[in-house]
Amino acid sequence: MEELMRLITSYIVDEPETIDIECNEEPNCQEVTLKVPEIYMGKVIGKNGRIAKAIRLIANVKTNKNSKKVYVNIVSKDG
């Protein structure tokens, strides 16, 4: 999942290496936390949350064959 998040964020932000990604695996779900610098929060979330919704949708489609729910949290790295 981390590789997928790296790929997605590399197309969204100018410096994808500034985004920290943490993955926590549970038996029936997976939690992914994207720690994004404040200057890129607008790009990652998108207008009305469209980009964030798309990221969550892609993550859930990727793991749907394993019947796991994916929770993607986007938090500010600076604050």
PDB file of N, CA and C in Angstrom:
ATOM      1  N   MET A   1       0.830  -1.195   0.000  1.00  0.00           N
ATOM      2  CA  MET A   1       0.000   0.000   0.000  1.00  0.00           C
ATOM      3  C   MET A   1       0.874   1.258   0.000  1.00  0.00           C
ATOM      4  N   GLU A   2       2.020   1.171   0.679  1.00  0.00           N
ATOM      5  CA  GLU A   2       2.897   2.336   0.736  1.00  0.00           C
ATOM      6  C   GLU A   2       3.401   2.714  -0.659  1.00  0.00           C
ATOM      7  N   GLU A   3       3.708   1.713  -1.471  1.00  0.00           N
ATOM      8  CA  GLU A   3       4.180   1.994  -2.825  1.00  0.00           C
ATOM      9  C   GLU A   3       3.100   2.687  -3.651  1.00  0.00           C
ATOM     10  N   LEU A   4       1.862   2.246  -3.477  1.00  0.00           N
ATOM     11  CA  LEU A   4       0.743   2.862  -4.193  1.00  0.00           C
ATOM     12  C   LEU A   4       0.571   4.322  -3.782  1.00  0.00           C
ATOM     13  N   MET A   5       0.639   4.593  -2.477  1.00  0.00           N
ATOM     14  CA  MET A   5       0.503   5.971  -1.993  1.00  0.00           C
ATOM     15  C   MET A   5       1.655   6.839  -2.492  1.00  0.00           C
ATOM     16  N   ARG A   6       2.864   6.276  -2.540  1.00  0.00           N
ATOM     17  CA  ARG A   6       4.013   7.023  -3.080  1.00  0.00           C
ATOM     18  C   ARG A   6       3.787   7.379  -4.551  1.00  0.00           C
ATOM     19  N   LEU A   7       3.281   6.418  -5.303  1.00  0.00           N
ATOM     20  CA  LEU A   7       3.022   6.653  -6.724  1.00  0.00           C
ATOM     21  C   LEU A   7       1.971   7.745  -6.917  1.00  0.00           C
ATOM     22  N   ILE A   8       0.880   7.657  -6.176  1.00  0.00           N
ATOM     23  CA  ILE A   8      -0.197   8.646  -6.308  1.00  0.00           C
ATOM     24  C   ILE A   8       0.294  10.037  -5.935  1.00  0.00           C
ATOM     25  N   THR A   9       0.967  10.152  -4.788  1.00  0.00           N
ATOM     26  CA  THR A   9       1.408  11.475  -4.336  1.00  0.00           C
ATOM     27  C   THR A   9       2.506  12.047  -5.224  1.00  0.00           C
ATOM     28  N   SER A  10       3.257  11.188  -5.914  1.00  0.00           N
ATOM     29  CA  SER A  10       4.303  11.712  -6.797  1.00  0.00           C
ATOM     30  C   SER A  10       3.713  12.482  -7.976  1.00  0.00           C
ATOM     31  N   TYR A  11       2.479  12.155  -8.352  1.00  0.00           N
ATOM     32  CA  TYR A  11       1.811  12.883  -9.435  1.00  0.00           C
ATOM     33  C   TYR A  11       1.108  14.150  -8.942  1.00  0.00           C
ATOM     34  N   ILE A  12       0.898  14.251  -7.636  1.00  0.00           N
ATOM     35  CA  ILE A  12       0.134  15.377  -7.093  1.00  0.00           C
ATOM     36  C   ILE A  12       1.034  16.523  -6.650  1.00  0.00           C
ATOM     37  N   VAL A  13       2.109  16.205  -5.932  1.00  0.00           N
ATOM     38  CA  VAL A  13       2.961  17.254  -5.356  1.00  0.00           C
ATOM     39  C   VAL A  13       4.286  17.339  -6.106  1.00  0.00           C
ATOM     40  N   ASP A  14       4.974  18.468  -5.927  1.00  0.00           N
ATOM     41  CA  ASP A  14       6.248  18.690  -6.604  1.00  0.00           C
ATOM     42  C   ASP A  14       7.397  17.924  -5.947  1.00  0.00           C
ATOM     43  N   GLU A  15       7.330  17.745  -4.622  1.00  0.00           N
ATOM     44  CA  GLU A  15       8.381  17.049  -3.880  1.00  0.00           C
ATOM     45  C   GLU A  15       7.757  15.906  -3.081  1.00  0.00           C
ATOM     46  N   PRO A  16       7.505  14.764  -3.714  1.00  0.00           N
ATOM     47  CA  PRO A  16       6.819  13.667  -3.019  1.00  0.00           C
ATOM     48  C   PRO A  16       7.616  13.078  -1.863  1.00  0.00           C
ATOM     49  N   GLU A  17       8.925  13.277  -1.849  1.00  0.00           N
ATOM     50  CA  GLU A  17       9.734  12.743  -0.750  1.00  0.00           C
ATOM     51  C   GLU A  17       9.476  13.464   0.568  1.00  0.00           C
ATOM     52  N   THR A  18       8.798  14.616   0.533  1.00  0.00           N
ATOM     53  CA  THR A  18       8.476  15.337   1.764  1.00  0.00           C
ATOM     54  C   THR A  18       7.253  14.762   2.470  1.00  0.00           C
ATOM     55  N   ILE A  19       6.549  13.843   1.837  1.00  0.00           N
ATOM     56  CA  ILE A  19       5.359  13.233   2.434  1.00  0.00           C
ATOM     57  C   ILE A  19       5.758  11.946   3.146  1.00  0.00           C
ATOM     58  N   ASP A  20       5.398  11.844   4.426  1.00  0.00           N
ATOM     59  CA  ASP A  20       5.645  10.633   5.203  1.00  0.00           C
ATOM     60  C   ASP A  20       4.403   9.757   5.145  1.00  0.00           C
ATOM     61  N   ILE A  21       4.615   8.466   4.960  1.00  0.00           N
ATOM     62  CA  ILE A  21       3.505   7.520   4.856  1.00  0.00           C
ATOM     63  C   ILE A  21       3.673   6.447   5.919  1.00  0.00           C
ATOM     64  N   GLU A  22       2.631   6.262   6.735  1.00  0.00           N
ATOM     65  CA  GLU A  22       2.625   5.218   7.759  1.00  0.00           C
ATOM     66  C   GLU A  22       1.476   4.268   7.473  1.00  0.00           C
ATOM     67  N   CYS A  23       1.763   2.969   7.500  1.00  0.00           N
ATOM     68  CA  CYS A  23       0.739   1.947   7.266  1.00  0.00           C
ATOM     69  C   CYS A  23       0.633   1.052   8.491  1.00  0.00           C
ATOM     70  N   ASN A  24      -0.576   0.916   9.020  1.00  0.00           N
ATOM     71  CA  ASN A  24      -0.849   0.017  10.139  1.00  0.00           C
ATOM     72  C   ASN A  24      -1.832  -1.040   9.675  1.00  0.00           C
ATOM     73  N   GLU A  25      -1.424  -2.290   9.774  1.00  0.00           N
ATOM     74  CA  GLU A  25      -2.254  -3.397   9.297  1.00  0.00           C
ATOM     75  C   GLU A  25      -2.970  -4.051  10.475  1.00  0.00           C
ATOM     76  N   GLU A  26      -4.264  -4.219  10.345  1.00  0.00           N
ATOM     77  CA  GLU A  26      -5.106  -4.917  11.315  1.00  0.00           C
ATOM     78  C   GLU A  26      -5.659  -6.156  10.618  1.00  0.00           C
ATOM     79  N   PRO A  27      -6.274  -7.080  11.349  1.00  0.00           N
ATOM     80  CA  PRO A  27      -6.811  -8.284  10.696  1.00  0.00           C
ATOM     81  C   PRO A  27      -7.856  -8.008   9.615  1.00  0.00           C
ATOM     82  N   ASN A  28      -8.741  -7.038   9.835  1.00  0.00           N
ATOM     83  CA  ASN A  28      -9.805  -6.794   8.854  1.00  0.00           C
ATOM     84  C   ASN A  28      -9.797  -5.384   8.281  1.00  0.00           C
ATOM     85  N   CYS A  29      -8.777  -4.603   8.601  1.00  0.00           N
ATOM     86  CA  CYS A  29      -8.684  -3.255   8.034  1.00  0.00           C
ATOM     87  C   CYS A  29      -7.225  -2.816   7.987  1.00  0.00           C
ATOM     88  N   GLN A  30      -7.000  -1.748   7.275  1.00  0.00           N
ATOM     89  CA  GLN A  30      -5.669  -1.176   7.155  1.00  0.00           C
ATOM     90  C   GLN A  30      -5.796   0.333   7.257  1.00  0.00           C
ATOM     91  N   GLU A  31      -4.917   0.939   8.043  1.00  0.00           N
ATOM     92  CA  GLU A  31      -4.936   2.389   8.204  1.00  0.00           C
ATOM     93  C   GLU A  31      -3.670   2.975   7.586  1.00  0.00           C
ATOM     94  N   VAL A  32      -3.869   3.944   6.714  1.00  0.00           N
ATOM     95  CA  VAL A  32      -2.753   4.619   6.056  1.00  0.00           C
ATOM     96  C   VAL A  32      -2.822   6.090   6.437  1.00  0.00           C
ATOM     97  N   THR A  33      -1.719   6.611   6.954  1.00  0.00           N
ATOM     98  CA  THR A  33      -1.655   8.017   7.331  1.00  0.00           C
ATOM     99  C   THR A  33      -0.649   8.718   6.432  1.00  0.00           C
ATOM    100  N   LEU A  34      -1.116   9.755   5.765  1.00  0.00           N
ATOM    101  CA  LEU A  34      -0.249  10.590   4.933  1.00  0.00           C
ATOM    102  C   LEU A  34       0.054  11.864   5.709  1.00  0.00           C
ATOM    103  N   LYS A  35       1.314  12.064   6.061  1.00  0.00           N
ATOM    104  CA  LYS A  35       1.728  13.290   6.739  1.00  0.00           C
ATOM    105  C   LYS A  35       2.289  14.224   5.676  1.00  0.00           C
ATOM    106  N   VAL A  36       1.511  15.263   5.406  1.00  0.00           N
ATOM    107  CA  VAL A  36       1.778  16.153   4.276  1.00  0.00           C
ATOM    108  C   VAL A  36       2.216  17.521   4.794  1.00  0.00           C
ATOM    109  N   PRO A  37       3.265  18.123   4.206  1.00  0.00           N
ATOM    110  CA  PRO A  37       3.623  19.492   4.576  1.00  0.00           C
ATOM    111  C   PRO A  37       2.462  20.451   4.298  1.00  0.00           C
ATOM    112  N   GLU A  38       2.381  21.469   5.100  1.00  0.00           N
ATOM    113  CA  GLU A  38       1.277  22.432   5.019  1.00  0.00           C
ATOM    114  C   GLU A  38       1.129  23.032   3.620  1.00  0.00           C
ATOM    115  N   ILE A  39       2.236  23.254   2.924  1.00  0.00           N
ATOM    116  CA  ILE A  39       2.154  23.887   1.599  1.00  0.00           C
ATOM    117  C   ILE A  39       1.490  22.992   0.555  1.00  0.00           C
ATOM    118  N   TYR A  40       1.452  21.676   0.794  1.00  0.00           N
ATOM    119  CA  TYR A  40       0.845  20.748  -0.160  1.00  0.00           C
ATOM    120  C   TYR A  40      -0.526  20.236   0.264  1.00  0.00           C
ATOM    121  N   MET A  41      -1.011  20.652   1.416  1.00  0.00           N
ATOM    122  CA  MET A  41      -2.301  20.142   1.904  1.00  0.00           C
ATOM    123  C   MET A  41      -3.421  20.420   0.906  1.00  0.00           C
ATOM    124  N   GLY A  42      -3.440  21.607   0.332  1.00  0.00           N
ATOM    125  CA  GLY A  42      -4.483  21.961  -0.636  1.00  0.00           C
ATOM    126  C   GLY A  42      -4.450  21.080  -1.874  1.00  0.00           C
ATOM    127  N   LYS A  43      -3.257  20.744  -2.331  1.00  0.00           N
ATOM    128  CA  LYS A  43      -3.132  19.886  -3.514  1.00  0.00           C
ATOM    129  C   LYS A  43      -3.576  18.458  -3.217  1.00  0.00           C
ATOM    130  N   VAL A  44      -3.219  17.948  -2.042  1.00  0.00           N
ATOM    131  CA  VAL A  44      -3.542  16.559  -1.707  1.00  0.00           C
ATOM    132  C   VAL A  44      -5.026  16.397  -1.394  1.00  0.00           C
ATOM    133  N   ILE A  45      -5.622  17.378  -0.740  1.00  0.00           N
ATOM    134  CA  ILE A  45      -7.051  17.283  -0.421  1.00  0.00           C
ATOM    135  C   ILE A  45      -7.895  17.634  -1.641  1.00  0.00           C
ATOM    136  N   GLY A  46      -7.515  18.676  -2.360  1.00  0.00           N
ATOM    137  CA  GLY A  46      -8.246  19.058  -3.565  1.00  0.00           C
ATOM    138  C   GLY A  46      -9.481  19.878  -3.267  1.00  0.00           C
ATOM    139  N   LYS A  47     -10.068  20.413  -4.313  1.00  0.00           N
ATOM    140  CA  LYS A  47     -11.266  21.237  -4.188  1.00  0.00           C
ATOM    141  C   LYS A  47     -12.428  20.363  -3.732  1.00  0.00           C
ATOM    142  N   ASN A  48     -13.053  20.756  -2.633  1.00  0.00           N
ATOM    143  CA  ASN A  48     -14.157  20.005  -2.016  1.00  0.00           C
ATOM    144  C   ASN A  48     -13.766  18.571  -1.669  1.00  0.00           C
ATOM    145  N   GLY A  49     -12.473  18.311  -1.472  1.00  0.00           N
ATOM    146  CA  GLY A  49     -12.017  16.983  -1.078  1.00  0.00           C
ATOM    147  C   GLY A  49     -12.000  15.954  -2.187  1.00  0.00           C
ATOM    148  N   ARG A  50     -12.038  16.395  -3.420  1.00  0.00           N
ATOM    149  CA  ARG A  50     -12.114  15.452  -4.550  1.00  0.00           C
ATOM    150  C   ARG A  50     -10.880  14.565  -4.668  1.00  0.00           C
ATOM    151  N   ILE A  51      -9.694  15.145  -4.504  1.00  0.00           N
ATOM    152  CA  ILE A  51      -8.462  14.352  -4.619  1.00  0.00           C
ATOM    153  C   ILE A  51      -8.384  13.353  -3.467  1.00  0.00           C
ATOM    154  N   ALA A  52      -8.715  13.797  -2.253  1.00  0.00           N
ATOM    155  CA  ALA A  52      -8.693  12.895  -1.094  1.00  0.00           C
ATOM    156  C   ALA A  52      -9.673  11.737  -1.285  1.00  0.00           C
ATOM    157  N   LYS A  53     -10.851  12.024  -1.806  1.00  0.00           N
ATOM    158  CA  LYS A  53     -11.837  10.962  -2.065  1.00  0.00           C
ATOM    159  C   LYS A  53     -11.315   9.983  -3.102  1.00  0.00           C
ATOM    160  N   ALA A  54     -10.655  10.495  -4.132  1.00  0.00           N
ATOM    161  CA  ALA A  54     -10.104   9.625  -5.176  1.00  0.00           C
ATOM    162  C   ALA A  54      -8.994   8.735  -4.621  1.00  0.00           C
ATOM    163  N   ILE A  55      -8.143   9.291  -3.759  1.00  0.00           N
ATOM    164  CA  ILE A  55      -7.081   8.497  -3.130  1.00  0.00           C
ATOM    165  C   ILE A  55      -7.691   7.376  -2.302  1.00  0.00           C
ATOM    166  N   ARG A  56      -8.720   7.701  -1.520  1.00  0.00           N
ATOM    167  CA  ARG A  56      -9.390   6.683  -0.694  1.00  0.00           C
ATOM    168  C   ARG A  56     -10.050   5.614  -1.559  1.00  0.00           C
ATOM    169  N   LEU A  57     -10.668   6.027  -2.654  1.00  0.00           N
ATOM    170  CA  LEU A  57     -11.321   5.074  -3.554  1.00  0.00           C
ATOM    171  C   LEU A  57     -10.311   4.110  -4.171  1.00  0.00           C
ATOM    172  N   ILE A  58      -9.196   4.633  -4.654  1.00  0.00           N
ATOM    173  CA  ILE A  58      -8.167   3.779  -5.249  1.00  0.00           C
ATOM    174  C   ILE A  58      -7.613   2.805  -4.215  1.00  0.00           C
ATOM    175  N   ALA A  59      -7.383   3.275  -2.999  1.00  0.00           N
ATOM    176  CA  ALA A  59      -6.866   2.399  -1.942  1.00  0.00           C
ATOM    177  C   ALA A  59      -7.851   1.282  -1.625  1.00  0.00           C
ATOM    178  N   ASN A  60      -9.138   1.601  -1.571  1.00  0.00           N
ATOM    179  CA  ASN A  60     -10.143   0.580  -1.271  1.00  0.00           C
ATOM    180  C   ASN A  60     -10.320  -0.403  -2.418  1.00  0.00           C
ATOM    181  N   VAL A  61     -10.222   0.063  -3.647  1.00  0.00           N
ATOM    182  CA  VAL A  61     -10.317  -0.841  -4.798  1.00  0.00           C
ATOM    183  C   VAL A  61      -9.126  -1.799  -4.798  1.00  0.00           C
ATOM    184  N   LYS A  62      -7.948  -1.290  -4.464  1.00  0.00           N
ATOM    185  CA  LYS A  62      -6.739  -2.119  -4.432  1.00  0.00           C
ATOM    186  C   LYS A  62      -6.862  -3.259  -3.431  1.00  0.00           C
ATOM    187  N   THR A  63      -7.451  -3.003  -2.267  1.00  0.00           N
ATOM    188  CA  THR A  63      -7.525  -4.031  -1.224  1.00  0.00           C
ATOM    189  C   THR A  63      -8.870  -4.731  -1.173  1.00  0.00           C
ATOM    190  N   ASN A  64      -9.784  -4.402  -2.059  1.00  0.00           N
ATOM    191  CA  ASN A  64     -11.118  -5.000  -2.023  1.00  0.00           C
ATOM    192  C   ASN A  64     -11.073  -6.505  -2.228  1.00  0.00           C
ATOM    193  N   LYS A  65     -10.131  -6.998  -3.008  1.00  0.00           N
ATOM    194  CA  LYS A  65     -10.055  -8.435  -3.234  1.00  0.00           C
ATOM    195  C   LYS A  65      -9.666  -9.190  -1.963  1.00  0.00           C
ATOM    196  N   ASN A  66      -9.071  -8.496  -0.992  1.00  0.00           N
ATOM    197  CA  ASN A  66      -8.729  -9.106   0.291  1.00  0.00           C
ATOM    198  C   ASN A  66      -9.818  -8.884   1.333  1.00  0.00           C
ATOM    199  N   SER A  67     -10.907  -8.253   0.950  1.00  0.00           N
ATOM    200  CA  SER A  67     -12.025  -7.931   1.842  1.00  0.00           C
ATOM    201  C   SER A  67     -11.584  -7.115   3.051  1.00  0.00           C
ATOM    202  N   LYS A  68     -10.666  -6.201   2.836  1.00  0.00           N
ATOM    203  CA  LYS A  68     -10.218  -5.310   3.900  1.00  0.00           C
ATOM    204  C   LYS A  68     -10.679  -3.895   3.607  1.00  0.00           C
ATOM    205  N   LYS A  69     -10.995  -3.174   4.649  1.00  0.00           N
ATOM    206  CA  LYS A  69     -11.350  -1.767   4.543  1.00  0.00           C
ATOM    207  C   LYS A  69     -10.083  -0.953   4.774  1.00  0.00           C
ATOM    208  N   VAL A  70      -9.886   0.065   3.968  1.00  0.00           N
ATOM    209  CA  VAL A  70      -8.718   0.929   4.107  1.00  0.00           C
ATOM    210  C   VAL A  70      -9.176   2.304   4.564  1.00  0.00           C
ATOM    211  N   TYR A  71      -8.536   2.800   5.595  1.00  0.00           N
ATOM    212  CA  TYR A  71      -8.793   4.147   6.090  1.00  0.00           C
ATOM    213  C   TYR A  71      -7.567   4.992   5.773  1.00  0.00           C
ATOM    214  N   VAL A  72      -7.766   6.042   4.985  1.00  0.00           N
ATOM    215  CA  VAL A  72      -6.669   6.938   4.614  1.00  0.00           C
ATOM    216  C   VAL A  72      -6.872   8.254   5.353  1.00  0.00           C
ATOM    217  N   ASN A  73      -5.910   8.584   6.203  1.00  0.00           N
ATOM    218  CA  ASN A  73      -5.938   9.836   6.953  1.00  0.00           C
ATOM    219  C   ASN A  73      -4.889  10.774   6.375  1.00  0.00           C
ATOM    220  N   ILE A  74      -5.278  12.012   6.167  1.00  0.00           N
ATOM    221  CA  ILE A  74      -4.355  13.023   5.655  1.00  0.00           C
ATOM    222  C   ILE A  74      -4.197  14.073   6.743  1.00  0.00           C
ATOM    223  N   VAL A  75      -2.978  14.177   7.281  1.00  0.00           N
ATOM    224  CA  VAL A  75      -2.719  15.106   8.377  1.00  0.00           C
ATOM    225  C   VAL A  75      -1.567  16.027   8.004  1.00  0.00           C
ATOM    226  N   SER A  76      -1.520  17.173   8.675  1.00  0.00           N
ATOM    227  CA  SER A  76      -0.463  18.141   8.431  1.00  0.00           C
ATOM    228  C   SER A  76       0.814  17.701   9.138  1.00  0.00           C
ATOM    229  N   LYS A  77       1.893  17.751   8.428  1.00  0.00           N
ATOM    230  CA  LYS A  77       3.188  17.369   8.979  1.00  0.00           C
ATOM    231  C   LYS A  77       3.760  18.481   9.852  1.00  0.00           C
ATOM    232  N   ASP A  78       3.418  19.714   9.532  1.00  0.00           N
ATOM    233  CA  ASP A  78       3.989  20.867  10.221  1.00  0.00           C
ATOM    234  C   ASP A  78       3.314  21.163  11.554  1.00  0.00           C
ATOM    235  N   GLY A  79       2.080  20.736  11.724  1.00  0.00           N
ATOM    236  CA  GLY A  79       1.346  21.123  12.923  1.00  0.00           C
ATOM    237  C   GLY A  79       0.950  20.046  13.762  1.00  0.00           C
TER     238      GLY A  79
END
